[in-house]
Amino acid sequence: MNQEELIDVAREAILMCIQIAAPVMLVGLAVGVSIALVQALTQIQEITLVFVPKIIAIFLSIFVFFPGFAMAMIAFMDRLADRIVGIG
């Protein structure tokens, strides 16, 4: 494996991490902003009001998006295995 192929694999791995993390992070961001807005409007400053809904929303989004994550990771691993077999 030469340097260009190694950089290409690293780039694909970084893009895969972003592709997998983005939906979960966006759900966490949306829930966090909405809870912060509710806290600002009602002046309720309870610290657990931020964390509990955000954790529940992130776990639910991981549960919902997991089949897509698995398919993307399987496709990436297939491409990587094809490169490894092509080298040998």
C-alpha atoms as a PDB file:
ATOM      1  CA  MET A   1       0.000   0.000   0.000  1.00  0.00           C
ATOM      2  CA  ASN A   2       1.555   3.259  -1.083  1.00  0.00           C
ATOM      3  CA  GLN A   3       1.186   6.638   0.516  1.00  0.00           C
ATOM      4  CA  GLU A   4      -1.726   7.846  -1.663  1.00  0.00           C
ATOM      5  CA  GLU A   5      -3.806   4.766  -0.873  1.00  0.00           C
ATOM      6  CA  LEU A   6      -3.091   5.123   2.829  1.00  0.00           C
ATOM      7  CA  ILE A   7      -4.177   8.767   2.790  1.00  0.00           C
ATOM      8  CA  ASP A   8      -7.299   7.801   0.844  1.00  0.00           C
ATOM      9  CA  VAL A   9      -8.215   5.119   3.392  1.00  0.00           C
ATOM     10  CA  ALA A  10      -7.629   7.557   6.263  1.00  0.00           C
ATOM     11  CA  ARG A  11      -9.797  10.170   4.530  1.00  0.00           C
ATOM     12  CA  GLU A  12     -12.589   7.637   4.009  1.00  0.00           C
ATOM     13  CA  ALA A  13     -12.357   6.587   7.671  1.00  0.00           C
ATOM     14  CA  ILE A  14     -12.635  10.191   8.861  1.00  0.00           C
ATOM     15  CA  LEU A  15     -15.621  10.798   6.572  1.00  0.00           C
ATOM     16  CA  MET A  16     -17.210   7.588   7.907  1.00  0.00           C
ATOM     17  CA  CYS A  17     -16.800   8.830  11.480  1.00  0.00           C
ATOM     18  CA  ILE A  18     -18.413  12.143  10.555  1.00  0.00           C
ATOM     19  CA  GLN A  19     -21.225  10.381   8.693  1.00  0.00           C
ATOM     20  CA  ILE A  20     -21.966   8.156  11.674  1.00  0.00           C
ATOM     21  CA  ALA A  21     -21.640  10.830  14.356  1.00  0.00           C
ATOM     22  CA  ALA A  22     -23.495  13.656  12.599  1.00  0.00           C
ATOM     23  CA  PRO A  23     -27.112  12.449  13.009  1.00  0.00           C
ATOM     24  CA  VAL A  24     -26.661  11.693  16.705  1.00  0.00           C
ATOM     25  CA  MET A  25     -24.882  14.984  17.347  1.00  0.00           C
ATOM     26  CA  LEU A  26     -27.572  16.937  15.481  1.00  0.00           C
ATOM     27  CA  VAL A  27     -30.292  15.307  17.591  1.00  0.00           C
ATOM     28  CA  GLY A  28     -28.365  16.217  20.740  1.00  0.00           C
ATOM     29  CA  LEU A  29     -27.934  19.763  19.468  1.00  0.00           C
ATOM     30  CA  ALA A  30     -31.633  20.153  18.644  1.00  0.00           C
ATOM     31  CA  VAL A  31     -32.747  18.802  22.016  1.00  0.00           C
ATOM     32  CA  GLY A  32     -30.188  20.933  23.857  1.00  0.00           C
ATOM     33  CA  VAL A  33     -31.226  24.117  22.081  1.00  0.00           C
ATOM     34  CA  SER A  34     -34.925  23.441  22.612  1.00  0.00           C
ATOM     35  CA  ILE A  35     -34.415  22.727  26.321  1.00  0.00           C
ATOM     36  CA  ALA A  36     -32.265  25.861  26.654  1.00  0.00           C
ATOM     37  CA  LEU A  37     -35.000  27.873  24.963  1.00  0.00           C
ATOM     38  CA  VAL A  38     -37.620  26.480  27.352  1.00  0.00           C
ATOM     39  CA  GLN A  39     -35.335  27.247  30.298  1.00  0.00           C
ATOM     40  CA  ALA A  40     -34.788  30.809  29.078  1.00  0.00           C
ATOM     41  CA  LEU A  41     -38.488  31.403  28.530  1.00  0.00           C
ATOM     42  CA  THR A  42     -39.615  29.921  31.840  1.00  0.00           C
ATOM     43  CA  GLN A  43     -36.524  30.902  33.890  1.00  0.00           C
ATOM     44  CA  ILE A  44     -36.283  27.363  35.270  1.00  0.00           C
ATOM     45  CA  GLN A  45     -32.578  26.717  35.850  1.00  0.00           C
ATOM     46  CA  GLU A  46     -32.614  23.063  36.860  1.00  0.00           C
ATOM     47  CA  ILE A  47     -29.382  21.398  35.700  1.00  0.00           C
ATOM     48  CA  THR A  48     -30.874  17.912  35.315  1.00  0.00           C
ATOM     49  CA  LEU A  49     -33.499  19.334  32.964  1.00  0.00           C
ATOM     50  CA  VAL A  50     -30.775  19.608  30.311  1.00  0.00           C
ATOM     51  CA  PHE A  51     -29.019  16.271  30.704  1.00  0.00           C
ATOM     52  CA  VAL A  52     -31.832  13.754  31.097  1.00  0.00           C
ATOM     53  CA  PRO A  53     -33.806  14.598  27.918  1.00  0.00           C
ATOM     54  CA  LYS A  54     -30.595  14.958  25.933  1.00  0.00           C
ATOM     55  CA  ILE A  55     -29.310  11.538  27.040  1.00  0.00           C
ATOM     56  CA  ILE A  56     -32.652   9.905  26.283  1.00  0.00           C
ATOM     57  CA  ALA A  57     -32.825  11.554  22.847  1.00  0.00           C
ATOM     58  CA  ILE A  58     -29.262  10.510  21.995  1.00  0.00           C
ATOM     59  CA  PHE A  59     -29.897   6.895  23.029  1.00  0.00           C
ATOM     60  CA  LEU A  60     -33.102   6.811  21.004  1.00  0.00           C
ATOM     61  CA  SER A  61     -31.378   8.299  17.963  1.00  0.00           C
ATOM     62  CA  ILE A  62     -28.591   5.705  18.202  1.00  0.00           C
ATOM     63  CA  PHE A  63     -31.255   3.000  18.382  1.00  0.00           C
ATOM     64  CA  VAL A  64     -33.107   4.411  15.367  1.00  0.00           C
ATOM     65  CA  PHE A  65     -30.052   5.119  13.201  1.00  0.00           C
ATOM     66  CA  PHE A  66     -28.114   1.933  14.087  1.00  0.00           C
ATOM     67  CA  PRO A  67     -29.174  -0.099  11.011  1.00  0.00           C
ATOM     68  CA  GLY A  68     -27.952   2.684   8.728  1.00  0.00           C
ATOM     69  CA  PHE A  69     -24.711   2.962  10.689  1.00  0.00           C
ATOM     70  CA  ALA A  70     -24.174  -0.793  10.402  1.00  0.00           C
ATOM     71  CA  MET A  71     -24.804  -0.776   6.649  1.00  0.00           C
ATOM     72  CA  ALA A  72     -22.372   2.124   6.133  1.00  0.00           C
ATOM     73  CA  MET A  73     -19.697   0.406   8.200  1.00  0.00           C
ATOM     74  CA  ILE A  74     -20.200  -2.899   6.372  1.00  0.00           C
ATOM     75  CA  ALA A  75     -19.849  -1.132   3.023  1.00  0.00           C
ATOM     76  CA  PHE A  76     -16.672   0.599   4.227  1.00  0.00           C
ATOM     77  CA  MET A  77     -15.225  -2.689   5.457  1.00  0.00           C
ATOM     78  CA  ASP A  78     -16.070  -4.374   2.138  1.00  0.00           C
ATOM     79  CA  ARG A  79     -14.212  -1.632   0.240  1.00  0.00           C
ATOM     80  CA  LEU A  80     -11.278  -1.917   2.629  1.00  0.00           C
ATOM     81  CA  ALA A  81     -11.166  -5.716   2.326  1.00  0.00           C
ATOM     82  CA  ASP A  82     -11.271  -5.429  -1.475  1.00  0.00           C
ATOM     83  CA  ARG A  83      -8.247  -3.113  -1.338  1.00  0.00           C
ATOM     84  CA  ILE A  84      -6.382  -5.531   0.925  1.00  0.00           C
ATOM     85  CA  VAL A  85      -7.138  -8.497  -1.350  1.00  0.00           C
ATOM     86  CA  GLY A  86      -6.163  -6.451  -4.407  1.00  0.00           C
ATOM     87  CA  ILE A  87      -2.745  -5.766  -2.880  1.00  0.00           C
ATOM     88  CA  GLY A  88      -1.926  -9.412  -2.135  1.00  0.00           C
END
